[in-house]
N, C-alpha and C. Protein backbone atom coordinates (compact mmCIF):
# COMPACT_ATOMS: atom_id res chain seq x y z
N MET A 1 19.83 11.28 3.87
CA MET A 1 19.54 10.17 4.14
C MET A 1 18.19 10.49 5.05
N LYS A 2 18.75 11.24 6.12
CA LYS A 2 17.59 11.61 7.19
C LYS A 2 16.12 12.10 6.58
N ALA A 3 16.21 12.73 5.73
CA ALA A 3 15.06 13.67 5.15
C ALA A 3 14.38 12.82 4.34
N MET A 4 14.86 11.62 3.67
CA MET A 4 14.28 10.84 2.88
C MET A 4 13.42 10.02 3.78
N LEU A 5 13.98 9.55 4.78
CA LEU A 5 13.34 8.68 5.96
C LEU A 5 12.36 9.18 6.42
N LEU A 6 12.36 10.58 6.91
CA LEU A 6 11.27 10.85 7.58
C LEU A 6 10.33 11.29 6.88
N SER A 7 10.40 11.61 5.22
CA SER A 7 9.20 12.06 4.64
C SER A 7 8.81 10.56 4.03
N GLY A 8 9.56 9.50 4.34
CA GLY A 8 9.29 8.40 3.60
C GLY A 8 8.66 7.07 4.30
N VAL A 9 8.91 7.45 5.44
CA VAL A 9 8.34 6.53 6.60
C VAL A 9 6.97 7.25 7.17
N CYS A 10 6.99 6.45 8.60
CA CYS A 10 5.88 7.17 9.27
C CYS A 10 4.55 6.74 8.89
N LEU A 11 4.61 6.16 7.78
CA LEU A 11 3.55 5.99 6.71
C LEU A 11 2.17 5.66 7.60
N ALA A 12 1.98 4.77 7.93
CA ALA A 12 0.79 4.38 8.36
C ALA A 12 0.57 4.65 9.91
N THR A 13 1.20 5.30 10.30
CA THR A 13 1.11 5.77 11.84
C THR A 13 -0.09 6.80 11.41
N GLY A 14 -0.19 7.34 10.29
CA GLY A 14 -1.19 7.97 10.09
C GLY A 14 -2.37 7.46 10.13
N MET A 15 -2.47 6.12 10.00
CA MET A 15 -3.53 5.31 9.91
C MET A 15 -4.39 5.42 11.33
N PHE A 16 -3.83 6.10 12.43
CA PHE A 16 -4.29 5.64 13.64
C PHE A 16 -4.63 7.18 14.48
N ALA A 17 -4.43 8.09 13.35
CA ALA A 17 -4.86 9.55 14.00
C ALA A 17 -6.78 9.56 14.06
N SER A 18 -7.07 10.03 14.92
CA SER A 18 -8.70 10.05 15.37
C SER A 18 -9.16 11.16 13.91
N ALA A 19 -10.13 9.76 13.31
CA ALA A 19 -10.50 10.28 12.27
C ALA A 19 -11.63 11.54 12.04
N SER A 20 -12.08 12.14 13.32
CA SER A 20 -12.78 13.49 13.55
C SER A 20 -11.62 14.55 13.23
N ALA A 21 -10.53 14.26 13.31
CA ALA A 21 -9.51 15.14 12.95
C ALA A 21 -9.17 15.67 11.55
N MET A 22 -9.79 14.52 10.53
CA MET A 22 -9.25 14.97 9.41
C MET A 22 -10.13 15.68 8.49
N ALA A 23 -9.56 16.83 8.18
CA ALA A 23 -10.46 17.76 7.46
C ALA A 23 -10.18 17.64 5.78
N ALA A 24 -11.28 17.71 4.94
CA ALA A 24 -11.22 17.14 3.84
C ALA A 24 -12.36 17.54 2.99
N THR A 25 -12.45 18.04 1.75
CA THR A 25 -13.36 18.84 1.05
C THR A 25 -14.17 18.01 0.18
N THR A 26 -13.90 16.55 0.50
CA THR A 26 -14.91 15.94 -0.24
C THR A 26 -14.93 14.96 0.90
N PRO A 27 -16.40 14.98 1.42
CA PRO A 27 -17.00 14.42 2.57
C PRO A 27 -17.02 12.86 2.66
N SER A 28 -17.21 12.27 1.02
CA SER A 28 -17.52 11.01 0.86
C SER A 28 -16.12 10.15 0.92
N ALA A 29 -15.13 10.99 0.45
CA ALA A 29 -13.65 10.44 0.78
C ALA A 29 -12.97 10.17 1.92
N LYS A 30 -13.64 11.33 2.87
CA LYS A 30 -13.31 11.40 4.15
C LYS A 30 -13.85 10.27 4.94
N GLN A 31 -15.09 10.46 4.52
CA GLN A 31 -15.76 9.13 5.48
C GLN A 31 -15.45 7.65 5.18
N ALA A 32 -14.88 7.42 3.70
CA ALA A 32 -14.61 6.30 3.07
C ALA A 32 -13.20 5.94 4.05
N LEU A 33 -12.01 6.79 4.06
CA LEU A 33 -11.04 6.67 4.61
C LEU A 33 -11.06 6.42 5.98
N GLN A 34 -12.22 7.14 6.60
CA GLN A 34 -12.43 6.67 8.15
C GLN A 34 -12.86 5.65 8.30
N GLU A 35 -13.46 4.76 7.68
CA GLU A 35 -13.65 3.54 7.59
C GLU A 35 -13.43 2.35 7.52
N GLN A 36 -11.81 2.68 6.55
CA GLN A 36 -10.71 2.05 6.38
C GLN A 36 -10.03 1.83 7.63
N LEU A 37 -9.53 3.11 8.18
CA LEU A 37 -9.03 3.12 9.43
C LEU A 37 -9.52 2.96 10.76
N ALA A 38 -10.64 2.98 10.86
CA ALA A 38 -11.41 2.86 12.74
C ALA A 38 -10.95 1.46 12.70
N PRO A 39 -11.20 0.12 12.17
CA PRO A 39 -10.70 -1.00 12.71
C PRO A 39 -9.29 -1.50 13.23
N ILE A 40 -8.62 -0.85 12.72
CA ILE A 40 -6.99 -0.70 12.65
C ILE A 40 -6.93 -0.44 14.27
N SER A 41 -5.83 -1.33 15.27
CA SER A 41 -5.63 -0.79 16.16
C SER A 41 -3.82 -0.75 16.18
N THR A 42 -3.55 -2.06 16.00
CA THR A 42 -2.24 -2.11 15.29
C THR A 42 -1.61 -2.78 13.76
N LEU A 43 -0.80 -2.46 13.73
CA LEU A 43 0.11 -2.85 12.59
C LEU A 43 1.47 -3.49 12.12
N GLN A 44 1.64 -4.30 11.95
CA GLN A 44 3.09 -5.04 11.56
C GLN A 44 3.18 -5.21 10.37
N ALA A 45 4.44 -5.27 9.57
CA ALA A 45 4.65 -5.56 8.02
C ALA A 45 6.06 -5.61 8.04
N ARG A 46 6.60 -6.26 6.75
CA ARG A 46 7.54 -5.70 6.01
C ARG A 46 7.53 -4.71 4.97
N PHE A 47 8.55 -4.08 4.91
CA PHE A 47 8.36 -3.19 3.75
C PHE A 47 9.44 -3.31 2.81
N GLU A 48 9.14 -2.51 1.62
CA GLU A 48 10.36 -2.00 0.42
C GLU A 48 9.94 -0.87 -0.08
N GLN A 49 11.25 0.10 0.30
CA GLN A 49 11.02 1.39 0.19
C GLN A 49 12.02 2.04 -1.07
N GLN A 50 11.53 2.81 -2.05
CA GLN A 50 12.34 3.18 -3.32
C GLN A 50 11.99 4.73 -2.98
N VAL A 51 12.84 5.35 -3.51
CA VAL A 51 12.60 6.87 -3.54
C VAL A 51 13.24 7.08 -5.02
N VAL A 52 12.40 7.56 -5.70
CA VAL A 52 12.40 7.99 -7.14
C VAL A 52 12.61 9.46 -7.76
N GLY A 53 13.38 9.51 -8.42
CA GLY A 53 13.93 10.96 -8.69
C GLY A 53 12.63 11.52 -9.57
N ALA A 54 12.47 12.49 -9.63
CA ALA A 54 11.96 13.30 -11.09
C ALA A 54 11.89 12.63 -12.12
N ASP A 55 13.03 12.32 -12.71
CA ASP A 55 13.70 11.66 -13.63
C ASP A 55 13.27 10.07 -14.12
N GLY A 56 12.93 9.75 -12.99
CA GLY A 56 12.43 8.39 -12.87
C GLY A 56 13.56 7.25 -12.37
N GLU A 57 14.53 8.27 -11.97
CA GLU A 57 16.11 7.20 -11.47
C GLU A 57 15.59 6.90 -9.95
N VAL A 58 16.08 5.75 -9.89
CA VAL A 58 16.01 5.17 -8.30
C VAL A 58 17.10 5.76 -7.30
N ILE A 59 16.65 6.56 -6.41
CA ILE A 59 17.96 7.39 -5.65
C ILE A 59 18.36 6.20 -4.59
N GLN A 60 17.29 5.35 -3.66
CA GLN A 60 17.46 4.64 -2.57
C GLN A 60 16.70 3.40 -2.44
N THR A 61 17.17 2.62 -1.99
CA THR A 61 16.18 1.50 -2.05
C THR A 61 16.53 1.03 -0.15
N LEU A 62 15.34 0.79 0.15
CA LEU A 62 15.61 0.00 1.55
C LEU A 62 14.66 -0.82 1.88
N GLU A 63 14.69 -1.71 3.21
CA GLU A 63 14.12 -2.81 3.18
C GLU A 63 13.99 -3.14 4.72
N GLY A 64 12.86 -3.73 5.23
CA GLY A 64 12.83 -3.55 6.88
C GLY A 64 11.69 -4.13 7.03
N GLU A 65 11.71 -3.87 8.80
CA GLU A 65 9.97 -3.95 9.55
C GLU A 65 9.80 -2.81 10.08
N LEU A 66 8.36 -2.62 10.00
CA LEU A 66 7.25 -1.49 11.02
C LEU A 66 6.38 -2.35 11.69
N ALA A 67 6.49 -1.51 12.39
CA ALA A 67 5.18 -1.51 13.28
C ALA A 67 4.62 -0.46 13.99
N MET A 68 3.32 -0.36 14.20
CA MET A 68 2.41 0.83 14.66
C MET A 68 1.13 0.43 15.49
N ALA A 69 0.59 1.31 16.02
CA ALA A 69 -0.06 1.27 17.06
C ALA A 69 -1.12 2.68 17.81
N ARG A 70 -2.10 2.75 17.27
CA ARG A 70 -2.81 3.74 18.21
C ARG A 70 -2.90 3.98 19.24
N PRO A 71 -2.71 5.27 19.69
CA PRO A 71 -2.27 6.55 18.75
C PRO A 71 -1.12 7.16 18.80
N ASN A 72 -0.55 7.12 17.41
CA ASN A 72 0.38 7.73 17.32
C ASN A 72 1.88 7.36 17.55
N LYS A 73 2.10 5.90 17.57
CA LYS A 73 3.15 5.35 17.95
C LYS A 73 3.60 4.57 16.65
N PHE A 74 5.03 4.55 16.42
CA PHE A 74 5.60 3.95 15.27
C PHE A 74 6.95 3.52 15.60
N TYR A 75 7.10 2.53 14.98
CA TYR A 75 8.95 1.48 14.76
C TYR A 75 9.32 1.45 13.18
N TRP A 76 10.30 1.77 13.02
CA TRP A 76 10.52 1.60 11.52
C TRP A 76 12.31 0.93 11.57
N GLN A 77 12.34 0.18 11.09
CA GLN A 77 13.60 -0.58 10.99
C GLN A 77 14.15 -1.08 9.99
N SER A 78 15.41 -0.52 9.55
CA SER A 78 15.85 -0.93 8.28
C SER A 78 17.09 -1.68 8.06
N GLU A 79 17.17 -2.57 7.08
CA GLU A 79 18.45 -3.63 7.14
C GLU A 79 19.56 -3.18 6.46
N ALA A 80 20.80 -3.49 6.61
CA ALA A 80 21.99 -3.37 5.99
C ALA A 80 21.87 -3.41 4.72
N PRO A 81 22.42 -2.47 3.78
CA PRO A 81 23.58 -1.66 4.27
C PRO A 81 23.37 -0.56 4.80
N ASP A 82 21.85 0.03 5.02
CA ASP A 82 21.52 1.35 5.19
C ASP A 82 20.51 0.91 6.61
N GLU A 83 21.39 0.83 7.55
CA GLU A 83 20.54 0.37 9.17
C GLU A 83 20.09 2.01 9.70
N LEU A 84 19.03 2.09 9.53
CA LEU A 84 18.41 3.17 10.05
C LEU A 84 17.13 2.96 11.11
N THR A 85 17.10 3.35 12.28
CA THR A 85 15.82 3.27 12.80
C THR A 85 15.23 4.58 13.52
N LEU A 86 13.79 4.37 13.21
CA LEU A 86 12.94 5.59 13.89
C LEU A 86 12.15 5.41 14.74
N VAL A 87 11.63 5.42 15.97
CA VAL A 87 10.37 5.41 16.83
C VAL A 87 9.95 6.66 17.19
N ALA A 88 8.73 6.60 16.84
CA ALA A 88 7.41 7.64 17.48
C ALA A 88 7.15 6.80 18.59
N ASP A 89 7.36 7.75 19.91
CA ASP A 89 6.67 7.09 21.17
C ASP A 89 5.31 7.99 21.27
N GLY A 90 4.90 8.92 20.42
CA GLY A 90 3.50 9.44 20.96
C GLY A 90 4.05 10.75 21.39
N VAL A 91 5.15 11.42 21.83
CA VAL A 91 5.53 12.42 22.39
C VAL A 91 7.08 12.69 21.69
N ALA A 92 7.71 12.01 21.50
CA ALA A 92 8.96 12.61 20.78
C ALA A 92 9.16 11.45 19.60
N VAL A 93 10.26 12.00 18.81
CA VAL A 93 10.18 10.93 17.55
C VAL A 93 11.89 10.91 17.74
N TYR A 94 12.38 9.54 17.96
CA TYR A 94 13.92 9.66 17.67
C TYR A 94 14.58 8.78 16.27
N TYR A 95 15.64 9.18 15.73
CA TYR A 95 15.96 8.56 14.61
C TYR A 95 17.48 8.40 14.71
N PHE A 96 17.82 7.35 14.69
CA PHE A 96 19.13 6.63 14.90
C PHE A 96 20.07 6.07 13.47
N ASP A 97 20.72 6.77 12.94
CA ASP A 97 21.73 6.62 11.98
C ASP A 97 23.08 5.21 12.33
N ALA A 98 22.84 4.24 12.05
CA ALA A 98 24.24 3.70 12.77
C ALA A 98 25.35 3.96 11.84
N PHE A 99 25.27 4.41 10.84
CA PHE A 99 26.27 4.75 10.28
C PHE A 99 27.65 5.54 10.86
N VAL A 100 26.56 6.63 11.38
CA VAL A 100 27.12 8.01 11.88
C VAL A 100 27.36 7.99 13.27
N GLU A 101 26.39 6.88 13.71
CA GLU A 101 26.32 6.73 15.40
C GLU A 101 25.61 8.04 16.02
N GLN A 102 24.77 8.43 15.19
CA GLN A 102 24.03 9.48 15.97
C GLN A 102 22.51 9.15 15.93
N VAL A 103 21.82 9.94 17.08
CA VAL A 103 20.80 9.75 17.38
C VAL A 103 20.21 11.23 17.32
N THR A 104 19.16 11.54 16.72
CA THR A 104 18.43 12.91 16.18
C THR A 104 17.05 12.72 16.88
N ILE A 105 16.50 13.62 17.87
CA ILE A 105 15.42 13.41 18.75
C ILE A 105 14.48 14.65 18.64
N SER A 106 13.46 14.79 18.07
CA SER A 106 12.79 15.73 17.63
C SER A 106 11.17 15.74 18.40
N ASP A 107 10.50 16.66 18.90
CA ASP A 107 9.26 16.91 19.42
C ASP A 107 8.25 16.45 18.25
N GLN A 108 7.34 15.37 18.64
CA GLN A 108 6.40 14.69 17.50
C GLN A 108 5.37 15.69 17.12
N HIS A 109 4.88 16.46 18.44
CA HIS A 109 3.64 17.25 17.72
C HIS A 109 4.51 18.31 16.62
N SER A 110 5.57 18.72 16.83
CA SER A 110 6.14 19.74 16.05
C SER A 110 6.65 19.55 14.67
N ALA A 111 6.70 18.13 14.66
CA ALA A 111 7.41 17.35 13.37
C ALA A 111 6.06 17.13 12.80
N ALA A 112 4.95 16.93 13.04
CA ALA A 112 3.52 16.80 12.24
C ALA A 112 3.63 17.61 11.15
N GLY A 113 3.90 18.77 11.49
CA GLY A 113 3.82 19.75 10.27
C GLY A 113 4.81 19.61 9.00
N GLN A 114 5.86 18.69 9.07
CA GLN A 114 7.02 18.85 8.22
C GLN A 114 6.66 17.65 6.91
N SER A 115 5.45 16.83 7.18
CA SER A 115 5.47 15.99 5.89
C SER A 115 3.82 15.07 6.57
N PRO A 116 3.30 14.76 5.56
CA PRO A 116 1.85 14.48 6.00
C PRO A 116 1.65 13.16 6.31
N PHE A 117 2.95 12.45 6.57
CA PHE A 117 2.82 11.28 7.20
C PHE A 117 2.77 11.47 8.83
N LEU A 118 3.83 12.60 8.97
CA LEU A 118 3.72 12.67 10.39
C LEU A 118 2.61 13.76 10.76
N LEU A 119 2.03 14.18 9.69
CA LEU A 119 0.65 15.10 10.09
C LEU A 119 -0.29 14.18 10.75
N LEU A 120 -0.37 12.86 9.97
CA LEU A 120 -1.58 12.24 10.10
C LEU A 120 -1.39 11.37 11.66
N LEU A 121 -0.01 11.59 12.09
CA LEU A 121 0.13 10.98 13.54
C LEU A 121 -0.86 12.06 14.75
N ASP A 122 -0.92 13.16 14.50
CA ASP A 122 -1.62 14.18 15.05
C ASP A 122 -3.00 14.24 14.89
N ALA A 123 -3.61 13.84 15.86
CA ALA A 123 -5.06 13.60 15.66
C ALA A 123 -5.45 15.38 16.02
N GLU A 124 -4.91 16.08 16.53
CA GLU A 124 -4.90 17.87 16.58
C GLU A 124 -4.67 18.52 15.99
N ALA A 125 -3.98 17.93 15.06
CA ALA A 125 -3.24 18.77 14.20
C ALA A 125 -3.68 19.98 13.27
N THR A 126 -3.82 21.34 13.29
CA THR A 126 -4.36 22.40 12.67
C THR A 126 -4.12 22.19 11.38
N ALA A 127 -3.09 21.67 10.97
CA ALA A 127 -2.14 21.77 9.28
C ALA A 127 -3.22 20.71 8.59
N TRP A 128 -4.20 19.92 9.39
CA TRP A 128 -5.01 19.27 8.62
C TRP A 128 -5.95 20.06 7.51
N ALA A 129 -6.31 21.29 7.90
CA ALA A 129 -6.90 22.02 6.77
C ALA A 129 -5.89 22.42 5.87
N ASP A 130 -4.76 22.04 5.36
CA ASP A 130 -3.84 22.39 4.41
C ASP A 130 -4.17 21.31 3.40
N TYR A 131 -4.95 20.34 3.77
CA TYR A 131 -4.74 18.86 2.67
C TYR A 131 -6.19 18.70 2.24
N GLU A 132 -6.56 18.10 1.47
CA GLU A 132 -7.75 17.82 0.39
C GLU A 132 -8.00 16.21 0.43
N VAL A 133 -8.77 15.58 0.51
CA VAL A 133 -9.11 14.42 0.48
C VAL A 133 -9.46 13.62 -0.59
N SER A 134 -9.23 12.79 -1.63
CA SER A 134 -10.15 12.46 -2.66
C SER A 134 -9.62 10.69 -2.97
N GLN A 135 -10.65 10.14 -3.42
CA GLN A 135 -10.50 8.76 -3.66
C GLN A 135 -10.92 8.14 -5.29
N ASP A 136 -10.08 7.14 -5.21
CA ASP A 136 -9.87 6.70 -6.63
C ASP A 136 -9.97 5.14 -6.31
N GLY A 137 -11.11 4.47 -6.58
CA GLY A 137 -11.25 3.17 -5.85
C GLY A 137 -10.76 2.81 -4.35
N GLN A 138 -9.69 1.87 -4.19
CA GLN A 138 -9.52 1.90 -2.92
C GLN A 138 -8.07 2.56 -2.23
N SER A 139 -7.70 3.70 -3.32
CA SER A 139 -6.73 4.61 -2.84
C SER A 139 -7.40 5.83 -2.51
N TYR A 140 -6.66 6.53 -1.47
CA TYR A 140 -6.97 7.76 -0.94
C TYR A 140 -6.25 8.93 -1.18
N THR A 141 -6.01 9.83 -1.54
CA THR A 141 -4.82 10.92 -2.06
C THR A 141 -5.09 12.26 -0.83
N LEU A 142 -4.18 12.53 -0.06
CA LEU A 142 -4.27 13.79 0.68
C LEU A 142 -3.56 14.81 -0.45
N ALA A 143 -4.05 15.79 -0.55
CA ALA A 143 -3.35 16.63 -1.89
C ALA A 143 -3.24 18.05 -0.92
N PRO A 144 -2.27 18.57 -1.03
CA PRO A 144 -1.86 20.06 -0.11
C PRO A 144 -2.85 20.82 -1.06
N THR A 145 -3.08 22.17 -0.17
CA THR A 145 -3.64 23.20 -0.78
C THR A 145 -2.69 24.16 -1.15
N ALA A 146 -3.14 24.88 -1.89
CA ALA A 146 -1.95 26.19 -2.50
C ALA A 146 -1.49 26.84 -1.27
N ASN A 147 -1.92 26.86 -0.10
CA ASN A 147 -1.32 27.71 0.76
C ASN A 147 -0.82 26.97 1.77
N ALA A 148 -0.70 25.66 1.64
CA ALA A 148 -0.08 25.00 2.44
C ALA A 148 1.72 24.88 2.56
N ALA A 149 2.14 25.03 3.91
CA ALA A 149 3.21 24.90 4.10
C ALA A 149 4.63 23.93 3.42
N GLN A 150 4.02 22.75 3.35
CA GLN A 150 4.53 21.66 2.59
C GLN A 150 3.48 21.25 1.76
N GLN A 151 4.28 21.29 0.30
CA GLN A 151 3.75 21.10 -0.90
C GLN A 151 4.27 19.29 -0.81
N GLN A 152 3.71 18.60 -0.27
CA GLN A 152 3.65 16.84 -0.46
C GLN A 152 2.51 16.14 -0.43
N GLN A 153 2.30 15.58 -1.20
CA GLN A 153 1.21 14.78 -1.75
C GLN A 153 1.19 13.12 -1.02
N LEU A 154 0.26 12.47 -0.21
CA LEU A 154 0.21 11.43 0.12
C LEU A 154 -0.89 10.40 -0.65
N THR A 155 -0.60 9.40 -0.99
CA THR A 155 -1.56 8.30 -1.66
C THR A 155 -1.48 7.16 -0.73
N LEU A 156 -2.24 6.66 -0.13
CA LEU A 156 -2.51 5.49 0.43
C LEU A 156 -3.45 4.37 -0.20
N THR A 157 -3.02 3.43 -0.30
CA THR A 157 -3.86 2.35 -1.12
C THR A 157 -4.21 1.12 -0.37
N PHE A 158 -5.55 0.34 -0.34
CA PHE A 158 -5.52 -0.70 0.54
C PHE A 158 -5.93 -1.88 -0.30
N GLY A 159 -5.83 -3.04 -0.03
CA GLY A 159 -6.42 -4.11 -0.78
C GLY A 159 -7.85 -4.07 -0.88
N ALA A 160 -8.46 -4.82 -1.80
CA ALA A 160 -9.85 -4.21 -1.93
C ALA A 160 -10.33 -5.62 -1.37
N GLU A 161 -10.32 -6.79 -1.08
CA GLU A 161 -10.91 -7.94 -0.15
C GLU A 161 -10.40 -7.86 1.39
N GLN A 162 -9.24 -7.75 1.53
CA GLN A 162 -9.14 -7.84 3.49
C GLN A 162 -9.09 -6.48 3.75
N GLY A 163 -8.78 -5.36 3.09
CA GLY A 163 -8.71 -3.83 3.38
C GLY A 163 -7.56 -3.59 4.15
N GLN A 164 -6.55 -4.52 3.73
CA GLN A 164 -5.00 -4.09 4.44
C GLN A 164 -4.67 -3.19 3.75
N LEU A 165 -3.66 -2.17 4.29
CA LEU A 165 -2.89 -1.11 3.67
C LEU A 165 -1.65 -2.22 2.64
N GLU A 166 -1.51 -1.58 1.52
CA GLU A 166 -0.96 -2.38 0.54
C GLU A 166 0.44 -1.70 0.27
N SER A 167 0.12 -0.10 -0.27
CA SER A 167 1.06 0.46 -0.38
C SER A 167 0.80 2.27 -0.10
N VAL A 168 2.04 2.96 0.22
CA VAL A 168 1.86 4.29 0.23
C VAL A 168 2.64 5.19 -0.60
N VAL A 169 2.58 6.13 -1.29
CA VAL A 169 3.53 6.84 -2.11
C VAL A 169 3.37 8.18 -1.99
N LEU A 170 4.66 9.19 -1.40
CA LEU A 170 4.79 10.42 -0.96
C LEU A 170 5.40 11.33 -2.13
N THR A 171 4.92 12.11 -2.67
CA THR A 171 5.10 12.93 -3.95
C THR A 171 5.41 14.26 -3.45
N ASP A 172 6.88 14.87 -3.62
CA ASP A 172 7.27 16.03 -2.91
C ASP A 172 6.93 16.92 -4.03
N GLY A 173 7.15 18.25 -3.24
CA GLY A 173 6.83 19.61 -4.61
C GLY A 173 7.79 19.35 -5.87
N GLN A 174 8.89 18.59 -6.13
CA GLN A 174 9.94 18.62 -6.99
C GLN A 174 9.68 17.34 -8.02
N GLY A 175 8.57 16.52 -7.74
CA GLY A 175 8.21 15.60 -8.25
C GLY A 175 9.13 14.11 -7.89
N GLN A 176 9.88 14.26 -6.75
CA GLN A 176 10.35 13.18 -6.15
C GLN A 176 9.79 11.83 -5.34
N GLN A 177 9.44 10.84 -5.54
CA GLN A 177 8.55 9.88 -5.27
C GLN A 177 9.02 9.07 -4.15
N THR A 178 8.74 8.69 -3.18
CA THR A 178 8.92 7.79 -2.01
C THR A 178 7.79 6.48 -1.98
N GLN A 179 8.05 5.55 -2.58
CA GLN A 179 7.47 4.21 -2.74
C GLN A 179 7.50 3.26 -1.53
N ILE A 180 6.67 2.84 -1.07
CA ILE A 180 6.75 1.84 -0.14
C ILE A 180 5.45 0.94 -0.30
N GLN A 181 6.06 -0.13 -0.16
CA GLN A 181 5.20 -1.64 -0.61
C GLN A 181 5.34 -2.70 0.84
N LEU A 182 4.36 -2.83 1.29
CA LEU A 182 4.22 -3.37 2.39
C LEU A 182 4.06 -5.10 2.28
N ALA A 183 4.32 -5.86 3.17
CA ALA A 183 3.98 -7.28 2.71
C ALA A 183 3.96 -7.73 4.27
N GLU A 184 3.48 -9.46 4.40
CA GLU A 184 3.48 -10.06 5.51
C GLU A 184 2.84 -8.99 6.72
N VAL A 185 1.49 -8.45 6.18
CA VAL A 185 0.64 -7.50 7.07
C VAL A 185 0.19 -8.17 7.80
N ALA A 186 0.01 -7.83 8.98
CA ALA A 186 -0.58 -8.26 10.60
C ALA A 186 -1.05 -7.28 10.94
N MET A 187 -2.61 -7.06 11.46
CA MET A 187 -2.95 -6.28 11.71
C MET A 187 -3.88 -6.81 13.48
N ASN A 188 -3.96 -6.00 14.20
CA ASN A 188 -4.72 -6.07 15.62
C ASN A 188 -4.14 -6.91 16.34
N LEU A 189 -2.86 -7.43 16.40
CA LEU A 189 -2.12 -8.13 17.28
C LEU A 189 -1.33 -7.19 18.67
N ALA A 190 -1.29 -7.73 19.60
CA ALA A 190 -1.08 -7.10 20.75
C ALA A 190 0.37 -6.92 20.47
N LEU A 191 0.84 -5.76 20.84
CA LEU A 191 2.50 -5.14 20.52
C LEU A 191 2.87 -4.88 22.17
N PRO A 192 4.20 -5.51 22.54
CA PRO A 192 4.55 -5.28 23.62
C PRO A 192 4.91 -3.63 23.66
N TYR A 193 4.88 -2.80 25.06
CA TYR A 193 5.29 -1.50 24.90
C TYR A 193 6.37 -1.15 24.76
N THR A 194 7.42 -2.05 24.48
CA THR A 194 8.84 -1.60 24.64
C THR A 194 8.99 -1.36 22.98
N THR A 195 8.02 -2.06 22.07
CA THR A 195 8.20 -1.93 20.77
C THR A 195 8.61 -0.47 20.55
N PHE A 196 7.92 0.75 21.18
CA PHE A 196 7.76 1.88 20.94
C PHE A 196 8.43 2.68 21.86
N SER A 197 9.45 1.82 22.83
CA SER A 197 10.47 2.87 23.70
C SER A 197 11.86 2.35 23.22
N TYR A 198 12.36 3.59 23.02
CA TYR A 198 13.78 3.91 22.69
C TYR A 198 14.66 4.24 23.43
N GLN A 199 15.48 3.02 23.19
CA GLN A 199 16.94 3.06 24.52
C GLN A 199 18.14 3.62 23.45
N ILE A 200 18.59 5.22 23.94
CA ILE A 200 19.65 5.51 23.10
C ILE A 200 21.01 4.69 23.23
N PRO A 201 21.40 4.40 22.55
CA PRO A 201 22.64 3.71 22.70
C PRO A 201 24.04 4.39 23.47
N ALA A 202 24.68 3.80 24.35
CA ALA A 202 25.65 4.53 25.18
C ALA A 202 26.40 5.36 24.48
N ASP A 203 27.15 4.89 23.37
CA ASP A 203 28.14 5.40 22.37
C ASP A 203 27.53 6.48 21.21
N ALA A 204 26.44 6.47 21.36
CA ALA A 204 25.55 7.63 20.21
C ALA A 204 25.82 8.98 20.62
N MET A 205 26.20 9.67 19.27
CA MET A 205 26.04 11.18 19.85
C MET A 205 24.55 11.66 19.81
N VAL A 206 23.87 12.27 20.24
CA VAL A 206 22.65 12.94 20.57
C VAL A 206 22.60 14.23 20.25
N ASP A 207 21.76 14.55 19.20
CA ASP A 207 20.95 15.99 18.78
C ASP A 207 19.64 15.86 19.09
N ASP A 208 19.44 16.58 20.37
CA ASP A 208 17.87 16.73 20.85
C ASP A 208 17.57 18.30 20.08
N GLN A 209 16.82 18.29 19.26
CA GLN A 209 16.12 19.20 18.85
C GLN A 209 14.71 19.75 19.30
N ARG A 210 14.22 19.08 20.35
CA ARG A 210 13.29 19.66 21.20
C ARG A 210 13.30 21.02 21.94
N ALA A 211 12.05 21.47 21.63
CA ALA A 211 12.17 23.18 22.47
C ALA A 211 12.60 22.93 23.63
N GLU A 212 12.33 21.73 24.58
CA GLU A 212 12.73 21.82 26.04
C GLU A 212 13.69 20.34 25.94
N PRO A 213 15.12 20.14 25.71
CA PRO A 213 15.68 18.81 25.68
C PRO A 213 15.12 18.04 27.19
N GLN A 214 14.87 16.90 27.15
CA GLN A 214 14.52 15.83 28.30
C GLN A 214 15.57 15.51 28.65
N LEU A 215 16.94 15.40 28.11
CA LEU A 215 18.18 14.47 28.69
C LEU A 215 18.61 14.96 29.51
C-alpha cells in the first residue's frame, strides 16, 4: 500500500520544480512543459486514483483531496476505506496509514530519486539527467534512460483550453500503471501554511527513516 501511494501520488508537486532544473533531450518539449508549469503557484483538486496491473486488472482504487504549492510542498488525503495521508513540507515526507496507526518519515531530498513524481519536487536533483521529455499534444512524458536507477515513466496531461492538469499516469518497469484523474481543480489560490505542516498523532507509531532523525 505504501509503495503504491508513494509512487502514485505527489504527482503535481512536480509541477512546482524550477523549470531550469529539467534536463531533456527534446528542447521544444522541455520548453513547452516549462510554459505549462510556470504560471502555477498552488493547486487544489479532488482525485481518483487507480492502480492497474500489467494484465489490466484494477488492483486498488482511491479517492480524496490533494493540494500543492511551489516550491516542493504537497498534501494528499485519501478517504475511507483506505485512509492514507502524505505530506511533503519541503524538507521531510510524512506518510500516515490510519489502519496500522503508523507514521513513516523520510528525507524529501533523498526520496526524490525513488520516483519521477518525487524527483519533480527537487529542483536541484541530479537525477533529472536520467529522464528524457517528449510531447504529444497536451501530454508530456518523462521517460527514464537505460542507465536510470528507477525505470518509471511519468505522463502529465493538461487540458487544451485552460491549461489545467487533468491526469497523471505512472508506469513502472513491470508494466503496472498508477492512473490519477483530477477534478474540481483550482489554481493559484492562497493556501494556509498548516496545509503542509503535519502533526503526528499522539498514539501513532513512528518509523523515522531520515539519516538524522529530528524527533
